[in-house]
N, C-alpha and C. Protein backbone atom coordinates (compact mmCIF):
# COMPACT_ATOMS: atom_id res chain seq x y z
N MET A 1 -16.97 19.35 -20.24
CA MET A 1 -15.99 18.82 -18.92
C MET A 1 -15.65 18.32 -20.13
N ASN A 2 -14.01 18.85 -20.09
CA ASN A 2 -13.43 18.04 -20.98
C ASN A 2 -12.90 16.90 -19.86
N THR A 3 -12.28 15.40 -19.94
CA THR A 3 -11.33 14.84 -19.62
C THR A 3 -9.92 14.75 -19.18
N PRO A 4 -9.35 14.96 -18.41
CA PRO A 4 -7.99 15.10 -18.26
C PRO A 4 -7.45 13.85 -19.06
N THR A 5 -5.99 13.78 -19.58
CA THR A 5 -5.04 13.07 -20.32
C THR A 5 -4.10 12.61 -19.44
N ALA A 6 -3.66 13.43 -18.77
CA ALA A 6 -2.91 12.97 -17.82
C ALA A 6 -2.98 13.57 -16.35
N PRO A 7 -2.17 12.88 -15.49
CA PRO A 7 -2.23 12.80 -13.92
C PRO A 7 -2.49 14.38 -13.29
N GLU A 8 -3.41 14.26 -12.68
CA GLU A 8 -3.68 15.44 -12.02
C GLU A 8 -3.84 15.71 -10.45
N ALA A 9 -2.50 15.63 -9.82
CA ALA A 9 -2.27 15.74 -8.39
C ALA A 9 -2.47 17.06 -7.93
N VAL A 10 -3.02 17.19 -6.38
CA VAL A 10 -3.39 17.91 -5.63
C VAL A 10 -3.34 17.10 -4.23
N VAL A 11 -2.41 17.87 -3.39
CA VAL A 11 -1.27 17.20 -2.54
C VAL A 11 -1.78 18.27 -1.19
N ALA A 12 -2.01 17.43 -0.11
CA ALA A 12 -2.14 18.43 1.44
C ALA A 12 -1.99 17.27 2.61
N ALA A 13 -0.75 18.06 3.31
CA ALA A 13 0.02 17.25 4.79
C ALA A 13 0.29 18.09 5.78
N SER A 14 -0.40 17.18 6.75
CA SER A 14 0.11 18.21 7.85
C SER A 14 0.42 17.13 9.02
N ALA A 15 1.65 16.73 9.80
CA ALA A 15 1.57 15.71 10.44
C ALA A 15 1.91 14.47 10.01
N ARG A 16 1.49 13.94 10.27
CA ARG A 16 1.55 12.39 9.78
C ARG A 16 0.16 11.97 9.20
N THR A 17 0.24 12.62 8.83
CA THR A 17 -1.39 12.50 7.90
C THR A 17 -1.13 13.17 6.40
N ALA A 18 -1.67 12.80 5.45
CA ALA A 18 -2.41 13.51 3.86
C ALA A 18 -3.10 12.68 3.05
N ALA A 19 -3.54 13.82 2.64
CA ALA A 19 -4.66 13.62 1.66
C ALA A 19 -4.23 14.13 -0.11
N VAL A 20 -4.47 12.68 -0.90
CA VAL A 20 -4.02 13.26 -2.65
C VAL A 20 -5.07 13.12 -3.12
N THR A 21 -5.46 13.67 -4.59
CA THR A 21 -5.72 13.52 -4.95
C THR A 21 -5.71 13.17 -6.69
N ARG A 22 -6.09 12.44 -7.32
CA ARG A 22 -5.39 11.81 -8.39
C ARG A 22 -6.77 11.63 -10.17
N ASN A 23 -6.63 12.33 -10.51
CA ASN A 23 -8.07 12.18 -11.72
C ASN A 23 -6.43 11.76 -12.83
N THR A 24 -7.01 11.23 -13.36
CA THR A 24 -6.75 10.60 -15.29
C THR A 24 -7.78 10.15 -15.64
N ALA A 25 -7.78 9.81 -16.96
CA ALA A 25 -9.12 9.73 -17.68
C ALA A 25 -9.48 8.24 -17.56
N GLU A 26 -8.26 7.31 -16.79
CA GLU A 26 -8.73 5.82 -16.43
C GLU A 26 -9.60 6.01 -14.99
N THR A 27 -9.07 6.74 -14.46
CA THR A 27 -9.23 6.63 -12.75
C THR A 27 -9.28 8.09 -11.96
N LYS A 28 -10.42 7.84 -11.16
CA LYS A 28 -10.21 9.89 -10.59
C LYS A 28 -10.97 8.64 -8.71
N ILE A 29 -8.88 9.09 -8.26
CA ILE A 29 -9.03 8.72 -6.91
C ILE A 29 -8.74 9.61 -5.79
N THR A 30 -8.93 9.56 -4.66
CA THR A 30 -9.13 10.50 -3.67
C THR A 30 -8.59 9.34 -2.59
N VAL A 31 -7.83 9.56 -1.67
CA VAL A 31 -6.93 8.93 -0.35
C VAL A 31 -6.65 9.51 0.31
N GLN A 32 -7.02 9.34 1.57
CA GLN A 32 -6.85 10.52 2.92
C GLN A 32 -6.40 8.88 4.00
N VAL A 33 -4.82 9.62 4.48
CA VAL A 33 -4.06 8.81 5.19
C VAL A 33 -3.98 9.48 6.69
N ASN A 34 -3.92 8.15 7.74
CA ASN A 34 -3.12 8.90 9.07
C ASN A 34 -1.94 7.73 9.38
N LEU A 35 -1.28 7.77 9.53
CA LEU A 35 -0.05 6.79 10.37
C LEU A 35 -0.22 6.51 11.21
N ASP A 36 -0.69 7.72 12.33
CA ASP A 36 -0.59 7.67 13.58
C ASP A 36 -2.05 7.24 14.30
N GLY A 37 -3.27 6.42 13.52
CA GLY A 37 -4.65 6.01 13.05
C GLY A 37 -4.91 4.79 14.53
N THR A 38 -5.65 4.38 14.42
CA THR A 38 -6.30 3.27 15.22
C THR A 38 -6.87 2.06 14.32
N GLY A 39 -6.74 2.35 12.84
CA GLY A 39 -6.77 1.10 12.05
C GLY A 39 -8.51 1.21 11.58
N ARG A 40 -9.07 2.74 11.22
CA ARG A 40 -10.45 3.20 10.94
C ARG A 40 -10.10 3.01 9.28
N SER A 41 -10.97 2.39 8.57
CA SER A 41 -11.02 2.61 7.04
C SER A 41 -12.29 3.10 6.67
N LYS A 42 -12.74 3.62 5.32
CA LYS A 42 -13.78 3.92 4.36
C LYS A 42 -13.20 3.42 3.04
N LEU A 43 -13.35 2.32 2.47
CA LEU A 43 -13.21 1.84 1.15
C LEU A 43 -14.34 2.13 0.14
N SER A 44 -14.01 2.20 -1.14
CA SER A 44 -14.98 2.03 -2.25
C SER A 44 -14.04 2.30 -3.38
N THR A 45 -13.82 1.10 -4.16
CA THR A 45 -13.25 0.88 -5.30
C THR A 45 -13.70 0.17 -6.50
N GLY A 46 -14.86 -0.15 -5.71
CA GLY A 46 -16.04 -0.85 -6.97
C GLY A 46 -15.39 -2.48 -6.90
N ILE A 47 -14.15 -2.59 -6.45
CA ILE A 47 -13.20 -4.14 -6.11
C ILE A 47 -13.78 -4.93 -4.83
N GLY A 48 -14.97 -5.41 -4.87
CA GLY A 48 -14.82 -5.85 -3.23
C GLY A 48 -13.97 -6.77 -2.53
N PHE A 49 -13.07 -7.97 -3.34
CA PHE A 49 -12.17 -8.32 -2.52
C PHE A 49 -10.99 -7.20 -2.23
N PHE A 50 -10.62 -6.47 -3.64
CA PHE A 50 -9.64 -5.37 -3.35
C PHE A 50 -9.37 -4.64 -2.33
N ASP A 51 -11.34 -4.11 -1.64
CA ASP A 51 -11.41 -2.89 -0.61
C ASP A 51 -11.26 -4.03 0.50
N HIS A 52 -11.71 -5.39 0.21
CA HIS A 52 -11.09 -6.22 1.44
C HIS A 52 -10.03 -6.61 1.77
N MET A 53 -9.13 -6.27 0.67
CA MET A 53 -7.77 -6.46 0.62
C MET A 53 -6.83 -4.78 1.91
N LEU A 54 -7.59 -3.57 1.14
CA LEU A 54 -7.06 -2.23 1.62
C LEU A 54 -7.84 -2.76 3.11
N ASP A 55 -8.48 -3.17 3.47
CA ASP A 55 -9.17 -2.98 4.90
C ASP A 55 -8.08 -3.69 5.83
N GLN A 56 -7.49 -4.41 5.33
CA GLN A 56 -6.13 -5.49 6.17
C GLN A 56 -5.26 -4.62 6.41
N ILE A 57 -4.55 -3.56 5.17
CA ILE A 57 -3.83 -2.48 5.96
C ILE A 57 -4.19 -1.25 6.77
N ALA A 58 -5.06 -1.28 7.03
CA ALA A 58 -5.76 -0.20 7.68
C ALA A 58 -5.93 -0.53 9.00
N ARG A 59 -6.42 -2.26 8.91
CA ARG A 59 -5.97 -2.52 10.23
C ARG A 59 -5.06 -2.59 10.94
N HIS A 60 -4.28 -3.57 9.99
CA HIS A 60 -2.85 -4.44 10.61
C HIS A 60 -2.03 -3.62 11.16
N GLY A 61 -2.45 -2.48 10.01
CA GLY A 61 -1.49 -1.56 10.32
C GLY A 61 -1.41 -0.47 10.85
N LEU A 62 -2.88 -0.28 11.55
CA LEU A 62 -3.05 0.94 12.47
C LEU A 62 -2.91 2.31 11.84
N ILE A 63 -3.71 2.29 10.42
CA ILE A 63 -3.25 3.65 9.50
C ILE A 63 -4.90 3.82 9.36
N ASP A 64 -5.49 4.95 9.49
CA ASP A 64 -6.61 5.25 9.02
C ASP A 64 -6.69 5.34 7.68
N LEU A 65 -7.74 5.17 6.94
CA LEU A 65 -7.29 4.73 5.72
C LEU A 65 -9.01 5.51 4.82
N ASP A 66 -8.99 6.31 3.88
CA ASP A 66 -10.20 6.80 3.11
C ASP A 66 -9.44 6.86 1.81
N ILE A 67 -10.32 5.70 1.05
CA ILE A 67 -9.71 5.80 -0.15
C ILE A 67 -11.00 5.15 -1.30
N ASP A 68 -11.45 6.84 -2.10
CA ASP A 68 -12.67 6.74 -2.76
C ASP A 68 -11.83 6.54 -4.74
N CYS A 69 -12.50 5.37 -5.16
CA CYS A 69 -11.83 5.27 -6.49
C CYS A 69 -12.99 5.20 -7.63
N LYS A 70 -13.22 6.22 -8.29
CA LYS A 70 -13.88 5.61 -9.74
C LYS A 70 -13.23 5.47 -11.61
N GLY A 71 -13.35 3.57 -10.99
CA GLY A 71 -12.29 3.83 -12.07
C GLY A 71 -13.15 2.93 -13.57
N ASP A 72 -12.47 2.69 -14.36
CA ASP A 72 -13.17 2.40 -15.31
C ASP A 72 -12.89 0.38 -15.49
N LEU A 73 -14.05 -0.01 -14.81
CA LEU A 73 -13.94 -1.39 -14.53
C LEU A 73 -14.88 -1.95 -15.39
N HIS A 74 -15.40 -1.30 -16.22
CA HIS A 74 -16.04 -1.59 -17.60
C HIS A 74 -14.92 -2.38 -18.43
N ILE A 75 -14.23 -1.89 -18.43
CA ILE A 75 -12.73 -2.60 -19.40
C ILE A 75 -12.20 -3.96 -18.50
N ASP A 76 -10.98 -3.19 -17.27
CA ASP A 76 -10.83 -4.53 -16.09
C ASP A 76 -10.90 -3.98 -14.59
N GLY A 77 -10.41 -4.68 -13.87
CA GLY A 77 -9.67 -3.63 -12.71
C GLY A 77 -8.50 -3.02 -12.71
N HIS A 78 -7.60 -3.41 -13.69
CA HIS A 78 -6.14 -3.16 -14.01
C HIS A 78 -5.82 -1.52 -13.35
N HIS A 79 -6.71 -1.13 -14.41
CA HIS A 79 -6.02 1.01 -13.92
C HIS A 79 -6.89 0.89 -12.41
N THR A 80 -7.44 0.75 -12.04
CA THR A 80 -8.37 0.94 -10.76
C THR A 80 -7.24 0.47 -9.33
N VAL A 81 -6.41 -0.89 -9.86
CA VAL A 81 -5.74 -1.67 -8.56
C VAL A 81 -4.35 -0.54 -9.01
N GLU A 82 -3.69 -0.35 -9.82
CA GLU A 82 -2.92 -0.30 -10.42
C GLU A 82 -2.76 1.71 -9.47
N ASP A 83 -4.04 2.31 -9.92
CA ASP A 83 -3.44 3.68 -9.63
C ASP A 83 -4.01 3.88 -8.53
N VAL A 84 -4.41 2.96 -7.21
CA VAL A 84 -5.15 2.77 -6.34
C VAL A 84 -3.06 2.87 -5.05
N GLY A 85 -2.68 2.09 -5.74
CA GLY A 85 -1.41 1.95 -5.32
C GLY A 85 -0.05 3.12 -5.61
N ILE A 86 -0.42 3.37 -6.65
CA ILE A 86 0.05 4.90 -6.89
C ILE A 86 -0.11 6.04 -5.83
N THR A 87 -1.71 6.32 -5.95
CA THR A 87 -2.12 7.25 -4.95
C THR A 87 -1.78 6.80 -3.56
N LEU A 88 -1.85 5.63 -3.49
CA LEU A 88 -1.72 5.37 -2.28
C LEU A 88 -0.02 5.32 -1.30
N GLY A 89 1.04 5.36 -2.40
CA GLY A 89 2.24 5.20 -2.37
C GLY A 89 2.16 7.24 -1.80
N GLN A 90 1.49 7.72 -3.33
CA GLN A 90 1.96 9.24 -2.48
C GLN A 90 1.88 9.64 -1.61
N ALA A 91 0.79 9.13 -0.81
CA ALA A 91 0.18 9.94 0.17
C ALA A 91 1.08 9.28 1.46
N VAL A 92 1.23 8.03 1.64
CA VAL A 92 2.32 7.31 2.30
C VAL A 92 3.65 8.72 2.14
N ALA A 93 3.89 8.46 1.43
CA ALA A 93 5.25 9.53 1.11
C ALA A 93 5.26 10.77 1.87
N LYS A 94 4.27 11.11 1.49
CA LYS A 94 3.46 12.66 1.82
C LYS A 94 3.68 12.40 3.41
N ALA A 95 2.75 11.86 3.99
CA ALA A 95 2.99 12.18 5.35
C ALA A 95 3.72 11.40 5.90
N VAL A 96 4.67 10.63 5.77
CA VAL A 96 5.83 9.95 6.46
C VAL A 96 7.13 11.20 6.53
N GLY A 97 6.97 12.36 5.35
CA GLY A 97 7.72 13.55 5.80
C GLY A 97 9.30 13.14 5.08
N ASP A 98 10.39 13.75 6.03
CA ASP A 98 11.80 13.33 5.81
C ASP A 98 11.90 12.29 6.63
N LYS A 99 11.24 11.79 7.87
CA LYS A 99 11.85 10.07 8.00
C LYS A 99 12.36 10.16 9.17
N LYS A 100 12.43 11.08 9.54
CA LYS A 100 13.04 11.54 11.08
C LYS A 100 12.17 10.71 11.95
N GLY A 101 13.58 10.20 13.07
CA GLY A 101 12.84 9.25 13.90
C GLY A 101 12.12 7.65 13.63
N ILE A 102 11.81 7.52 12.69
CA ILE A 102 10.72 6.07 12.17
C ILE A 102 11.85 4.99 12.34
N ARG A 103 11.71 4.03 12.27
CA ARG A 103 12.36 2.59 12.42
C ARG A 103 12.95 2.58 11.72
N ARG A 104 12.85 2.77 10.47
CA ARG A 104 12.71 2.46 9.09
C ARG A 104 12.31 0.94 8.39
N TYR A 105 12.98 0.17 8.82
CA TYR A 105 12.65 -1.13 7.98
C TYR A 105 11.73 -2.01 9.11
N GLY A 106 10.92 -2.60 8.81
CA GLY A 106 9.93 -3.70 8.83
C GLY A 106 10.07 -4.67 8.12
N HIS A 107 9.36 -6.08 8.91
CA HIS A 107 9.31 -7.39 8.19
C HIS A 107 7.90 -8.26 9.49
N ALA A 108 7.49 -8.86 8.83
CA ALA A 108 6.03 -9.79 9.02
C ALA A 108 6.07 -10.84 8.73
N TYR A 109 6.11 -11.95 9.43
CA TYR A 109 5.61 -13.23 9.00
C TYR A 109 3.83 -13.46 9.19
N VAL A 110 3.62 -13.57 8.49
CA VAL A 110 1.68 -13.94 9.04
C VAL A 110 0.76 -14.75 8.14
N PRO A 111 0.30 -16.17 9.13
CA PRO A 111 -0.28 -17.20 8.50
C PRO A 111 -1.70 -17.00 8.45
N LEU A 112 -2.22 -18.06 7.36
CA LEU A 112 -3.60 -17.99 7.45
C LEU A 112 -4.00 -19.20 7.07
N ASP A 113 -4.52 -19.92 7.90
CA ASP A 113 -4.76 -21.39 7.54
C ASP A 113 -3.35 -22.28 7.36
N GLU A 114 -3.63 -22.69 6.08
CA GLU A 114 -2.34 -23.62 5.43
C GLU A 114 -1.43 -22.10 4.94
N ALA A 115 -2.01 -21.66 4.66
CA ALA A 115 -0.70 -19.88 3.62
C ALA A 115 -0.10 -19.16 4.99
N LEU A 116 0.96 -19.01 4.19
CA LEU A 116 2.29 -18.19 4.58
C LEU A 116 2.93 -17.46 4.03
N SER A 117 2.89 -15.94 4.69
CA SER A 117 3.40 -14.89 3.59
C SER A 117 4.60 -14.29 4.76
N ARG A 118 5.49 -13.86 4.21
CA ARG A 118 6.99 -12.95 4.34
C ARG A 118 6.91 -11.79 3.76
N VAL A 119 6.77 -10.37 4.27
CA VAL A 119 7.00 -9.13 3.81
C VAL A 119 8.02 -8.88 4.45
N VAL A 120 9.24 -7.38 4.09
CA VAL A 120 9.83 -7.12 4.45
C VAL A 120 10.07 -5.51 4.04
N ILE A 121 10.51 -4.54 4.15
CA ILE A 121 9.74 -3.26 3.94
C ILE A 121 11.51 -2.90 4.50
N ASP A 122 11.52 -1.49 3.62
CA ASP A 122 12.61 -0.35 3.86
C ASP A 122 12.10 1.15 3.02
N PHE A 123 12.63 1.67 4.13
CA PHE A 123 11.82 3.22 3.67
C PHE A 123 13.38 3.69 3.19
N SER A 124 13.59 3.11 2.22
CA SER A 124 14.97 3.49 1.73
C SER A 124 14.94 4.71 0.92
N GLY A 125 14.16 4.96 0.41
CA GLY A 125 14.25 6.41 -0.94
C GLY A 125 14.74 5.80 -2.19
N ARG A 126 14.47 4.30 -2.40
CA ARG A 126 14.34 3.82 -3.52
C ARG A 126 13.93 2.64 -3.53
N PRO A 127 12.78 3.04 -4.89
CA PRO A 127 11.83 2.32 -5.15
C PRO A 127 12.25 0.86 -5.62
N GLY A 128 11.66 -0.64 -5.53
CA GLY A 128 11.89 -1.82 -5.84
C GLY A 128 11.40 -2.57 -5.19
N LEU A 129 10.96 -3.38 -6.05
CA LEU A 129 10.08 -4.75 -5.60
C LEU A 129 10.38 -5.69 -6.00
N VAL A 130 10.35 -7.13 -5.09
CA VAL A 130 10.76 -8.24 -5.46
C VAL A 130 9.15 -9.16 -4.37
N MET A 131 8.66 -9.97 -6.19
CA MET A 131 7.46 -10.45 -5.04
C MET A 131 7.84 -11.76 -6.24
N ASP A 132 7.17 -12.68 -4.41
CA ASP A 132 7.63 -14.08 -5.46
C ASP A 132 6.27 -14.77 -4.49
N VAL A 133 5.00 -14.67 -5.31
CA VAL A 133 3.64 -14.96 -5.05
C VAL A 133 3.46 -15.98 -6.52
N PRO A 134 2.83 -17.60 -5.80
CA PRO A 134 2.55 -18.12 -7.26
C PRO A 134 1.24 -18.23 -6.73
N PHE A 135 0.35 -17.64 -7.28
CA PHE A 135 -1.15 -17.62 -7.25
C PHE A 135 -1.54 -19.10 -7.15
N THR A 136 -2.57 -19.95 -6.80
CA THR A 136 -2.97 -21.27 -7.16
C THR A 136 -4.29 -20.63 -8.44
N SER A 137 -4.42 -19.90 -8.24
CA SER A 137 -5.91 -19.55 -9.07
C SER A 137 -5.66 -17.98 -9.95
N GLY A 138 -6.30 -17.72 -10.89
CA GLY A 138 -6.66 -16.09 -11.44
C GLY A 138 -7.09 -15.59 -10.84
N MET A 139 -8.38 -15.82 -10.43
CA MET A 139 -9.34 -15.06 -10.13
C MET A 139 -9.61 -15.47 -8.82
N ILE A 140 -9.83 -14.42 -7.75
CA ILE A 140 -10.49 -14.35 -6.37
C ILE A 140 -11.75 -13.52 -6.56
N GLY A 141 -12.72 -13.62 -6.16
CA GLY A 141 -13.99 -13.70 -6.55
C GLY A 141 -13.79 -12.71 -8.26
N THR A 142 -14.36 -11.38 -7.85
CA THR A 142 -14.01 -10.70 -9.19
C THR A 142 -12.38 -9.41 -9.24
N PHE A 143 -11.17 -10.78 -8.61
CA PHE A 143 -10.68 -9.80 -8.55
C PHE A 143 -9.12 -10.32 -8.75
N ASP A 144 -8.65 -10.24 -10.36
CA ASP A 144 -7.56 -10.84 -11.01
C ASP A 144 -6.35 -10.68 -9.95
N SER A 145 -5.33 -11.90 -9.69
CA SER A 145 -4.74 -12.10 -8.46
C SER A 145 -3.37 -11.59 -9.22
N GLN A 146 -3.39 -11.44 -10.56
CA GLN A 146 -2.08 -10.67 -11.46
C GLN A 146 -2.10 -9.52 -10.89
N LEU A 147 -3.23 -9.06 -10.36
CA LEU A 147 -3.15 -7.13 -10.34
C LEU A 147 -2.18 -7.06 -8.63
N THR A 148 -2.29 -8.17 -8.01
CA THR A 148 -1.54 -7.93 -6.80
C THR A 148 -0.15 -7.22 -6.82
N TYR A 149 1.01 -7.91 -8.28
CA TYR A 149 1.87 -7.42 -8.13
C TYR A 149 2.27 -5.89 -8.82
N GLU A 150 0.69 -5.45 -9.63
CA GLU A 150 0.74 -3.75 -9.87
C GLU A 150 0.02 -3.17 -8.76
N PHE A 151 -0.24 -3.71 -7.81
CA PHE A 151 -0.57 -2.89 -6.52
C PHE A 151 0.78 -2.34 -6.05
N PHE A 152 1.45 -3.35 -5.76
CA PHE A 152 2.60 -2.80 -4.88
C PHE A 152 3.54 -2.27 -5.89
N GLN A 153 3.51 -2.68 -7.00
CA GLN A 153 4.28 -1.56 -7.99
C GLN A 153 4.27 -0.27 -8.00
N GLY A 154 3.10 -0.19 -7.90
CA GLY A 154 2.51 1.14 -8.11
C GLY A 154 2.58 1.73 -6.79
N PHE A 155 3.22 0.86 -5.26
CA PHE A 155 3.19 1.78 -4.26
C PHE A 155 4.72 1.90 -3.78
N VAL A 156 5.41 1.00 -4.58
CA VAL A 156 6.74 0.73 -4.52
C VAL A 156 7.42 2.50 -4.96
N ASN A 157 6.57 2.21 -6.27
CA ASN A 157 7.78 3.06 -6.86
C ASN A 157 7.39 4.54 -6.47
N HIS A 158 6.27 4.82 -5.73
CA HIS A 158 5.72 6.25 -5.37
C HIS A 158 5.66 6.75 -3.80
N ALA A 159 5.94 5.58 -3.17
CA ALA A 159 5.98 5.59 -1.57
C ALA A 159 7.76 5.73 -1.06
N PHE A 160 8.69 5.92 -2.52
CA PHE A 160 10.55 5.19 -2.51
C PHE A 160 10.27 4.14 -1.50
N VAL A 161 10.17 2.91 -1.78
CA VAL A 161 10.41 2.09 -0.74
C VAL A 161 11.09 0.30 -1.23
N THR A 162 11.75 0.04 -0.75
CA THR A 162 11.80 -1.04 -1.36
C THR A 162 11.43 -2.24 -0.41
N LEU A 163 10.76 -3.36 -1.57
CA LEU A 163 9.43 -4.34 -0.63
C LEU A 163 9.72 -5.30 -1.23
N HIS A 164 10.10 -6.68 -0.10
CA HIS A 164 10.14 -8.04 -0.50
C HIS A 164 8.89 -8.46 0.27
N ILE A 165 8.44 -9.37 -0.98
CA ILE A 165 6.94 -10.40 -0.67
C ILE A 165 7.48 -11.70 -1.23
N ASP A 166 7.06 -12.59 -0.41
CA ASP A 166 7.03 -14.14 -0.68
C ASP A 166 5.67 -14.49 0.09
N ASN A 167 5.00 -15.52 -0.81
CA ASN A 167 4.48 -16.28 -0.34
C ASN A 167 5.02 -17.94 0.07
N LEU A 168 5.34 -17.87 0.69
CA LEU A 168 6.44 -19.05 1.80
C LEU A 168 5.21 -20.56 1.13
N LYS A 169 3.96 -20.39 1.93
CA LYS A 169 3.35 -21.57 1.48
C LYS A 169 1.88 -21.69 1.16
N GLY A 170 1.02 -22.10 0.83
CA GLY A 170 -0.89 -21.91 0.35
C GLY A 170 -0.82 -22.76 -1.01
N VAL A 171 -2.74 -23.09 -0.72
CA VAL A 171 -3.07 -23.77 -1.36
C VAL A 171 -4.25 -22.72 -1.83
N ASN A 172 -4.75 -22.21 -1.17
CA ASN A 172 -6.04 -21.36 -1.46
C ASN A 172 -5.63 -19.53 -1.96
N ALA A 173 -6.02 -19.31 -3.28
CA ALA A 173 -5.89 -17.65 -3.81
C ALA A 173 -5.60 -17.11 -2.41
N HIS A 174 -7.30 -17.34 -2.03
CA HIS A 174 -7.88 -15.85 -1.28
C HIS A 174 -6.55 -15.91 -0.25
N HIS A 175 -6.47 -16.92 0.71
CA HIS A 175 -5.83 -16.84 2.07
C HIS A 175 -4.50 -16.41 1.22
N GLN A 176 -3.64 -17.00 0.14
CA GLN A 176 -2.22 -16.31 -0.05
C GLN A 176 -2.30 -14.77 -0.08
N CYS A 177 -2.83 -14.21 -0.88
CA CYS A 177 -3.21 -12.71 -1.03
C CYS A 177 -3.87 -12.21 0.12
N GLU A 178 -4.39 -12.94 0.99
CA GLU A 178 -4.84 -12.32 2.38
C GLU A 178 -3.53 -11.99 3.41
N THR A 179 -2.78 -13.02 3.15
CA THR A 179 -1.98 -13.03 3.68
C THR A 179 -0.69 -12.41 3.81
N VAL A 180 -0.53 -11.63 2.64
CA VAL A 180 0.46 -10.79 2.20
C VAL A 180 0.25 -9.47 2.36
N PHE A 181 -1.23 -9.06 1.61
CA PHE A 181 -1.92 -7.62 2.36
C PHE A 181 -1.65 -7.71 3.89
N LYS A 182 -1.91 -9.01 4.90
CA LYS A 182 -2.20 -8.67 6.20
C LYS A 182 -0.35 -8.47 6.58
N ALA A 183 0.38 -9.53 6.27
CA ALA A 183 1.90 -8.84 6.52
C ALA A 183 2.51 -7.95 5.97
N PHE A 184 2.13 -7.47 4.89
CA PHE A 184 2.77 -5.95 4.30
C PHE A 184 2.40 -4.75 5.34
N ALA A 185 1.05 -4.77 5.85
CA ALA A 185 0.18 -3.76 6.56
C ALA A 185 1.15 -4.04 8.09
N ARG A 186 1.84 -5.39 8.63
CA ARG A 186 2.75 -5.42 9.62
C ARG A 186 3.74 -4.68 9.94
N ALA A 187 4.24 -5.01 8.60
CA ALA A 187 5.79 -5.12 7.99
C ALA A 187 5.66 -3.27 7.98
N LEU A 188 4.89 -3.04 7.13
CA LEU A 188 4.41 -0.89 7.21
C LEU A 188 4.46 -0.31 8.95
N ARG A 189 3.28 -0.91 9.30
CA ARG A 189 3.59 -0.67 11.08
C ARG A 189 4.76 -0.43 11.39
N ALA A 190 5.61 -1.49 11.39
CA ALA A 190 6.98 -1.93 12.30
C ALA A 190 8.24 -0.68 11.92
N ALA A 191 8.09 -0.87 10.09
CA ALA A 191 8.82 0.37 9.48
C ALA A 191 8.39 2.01 9.91
N LEU A 192 7.41 2.29 10.05
CA LEU A 192 6.66 3.45 10.22
C LEU A 192 6.45 4.04 11.67
N GLU A 193 6.58 3.07 12.73
CA GLU A 193 6.63 3.16 14.34
C GLU A 193 8.02 4.23 14.95
N LEU A 194 7.60 5.23 15.36
CA LEU A 194 8.30 6.21 15.60
C LEU A 194 9.04 5.60 16.61
N ASP A 195 10.48 6.14 16.86
CA ASP A 195 11.97 5.34 17.57
C ASP A 195 12.31 6.16 18.71
N PRO A 196 11.41 5.94 20.27
CA PRO A 196 11.86 7.35 21.03
C PRO A 196 13.52 7.00 21.26
N ARG A 197 14.39 6.47 21.18
CA ARG A 197 15.88 6.16 20.83
C ARG A 197 16.69 7.00 19.99
N SER A 198 15.89 7.44 18.49
CA SER A 198 16.13 8.02 18.13
C SER A 198 14.94 9.20 17.18
N ALA A 199 15.01 10.06 18.68
CA ALA A 199 14.01 11.24 17.77
C ALA A 199 14.49 12.04 17.14
N GLY A 200 14.02 12.63 15.98
CA GLY A 200 14.44 13.50 14.93
C GLY A 200 15.67 13.44 14.46
N VAL A 201 16.21 11.67 15.00
CA VAL A 201 17.25 11.44 13.51
C VAL A 201 16.99 10.43 12.36
N ILE A 202 17.18 10.94 11.06
CA ILE A 202 16.68 10.12 9.98
C ILE A 202 17.69 8.74 9.76
N PRO A 203 17.25 7.51 10.57
CA PRO A 203 17.92 6.64 10.81
C PRO A 203 18.61 6.40 8.72
N SER A 204 19.94 6.95 8.40
CA SER A 204 20.60 6.57 7.77
C SER A 204 21.89 6.99 7.98
N THR A 205 23.07 6.33 7.68
CA THR A 205 24.41 7.16 8.09
C THR A 205 24.53 7.98 6.85
N LYS A 206 23.78 8.42 5.59
CA LYS A 206 23.88 9.13 4.73
C LYS A 206 23.54 10.37 5.02
N GLY A 207 22.45 10.50 6.49
CA GLY A 207 22.02 11.55 6.49
C GLY A 207 20.41 11.64 6.20
N SER A 208 20.18 10.75 5.16
CA SER A 208 19.02 11.63 4.14
C SER A 208 18.38 10.38 3.45
N LEU A 209 17.42 10.44 3.81
CA LEU A 209 16.50 9.33 2.96
C LEU A 209 15.46 9.39 1.66
């Protein structure tokens, strides 16, 4: 069997659910999302702390999330984390559809002991990431803290969102990272929530997002 050298994606979706498969020479990933879920997750990336962070997205975003990734962890975690971000972004974009009726914007502040993070998201249709997280440690377990940026960069590029992430305080890198992912989840939940006052309306003066 030949190993693919370019991404091959197969996407299926209905309502506010989506499934995406992305296979490359570096990773083989399947992602399933339900934006109107209960926070259930089934996660397997081979990186324990990363699974823990993805679980925060599901639990605090009230998104049902199944992710299975087989990556080249014998090299490092870079391709796994980045490509999961890409594939999750594709799945969210597919599930949200034309964005009619969503609130579009979301923000959240989340503390964890000494750490505090703020995340603001806009389903703008324009990918953009501004992230200021001065991690106090390069590694969190077997997770390279620098890969947090790569995950969110992959996500915004394929979910077509503008995302601002700021860690306002923090001494413990685990706490810093966890507040970022929890705040992201809460902001995502708020932005994706259906607004009964704007049912069927695209939240933009342009008429499209």
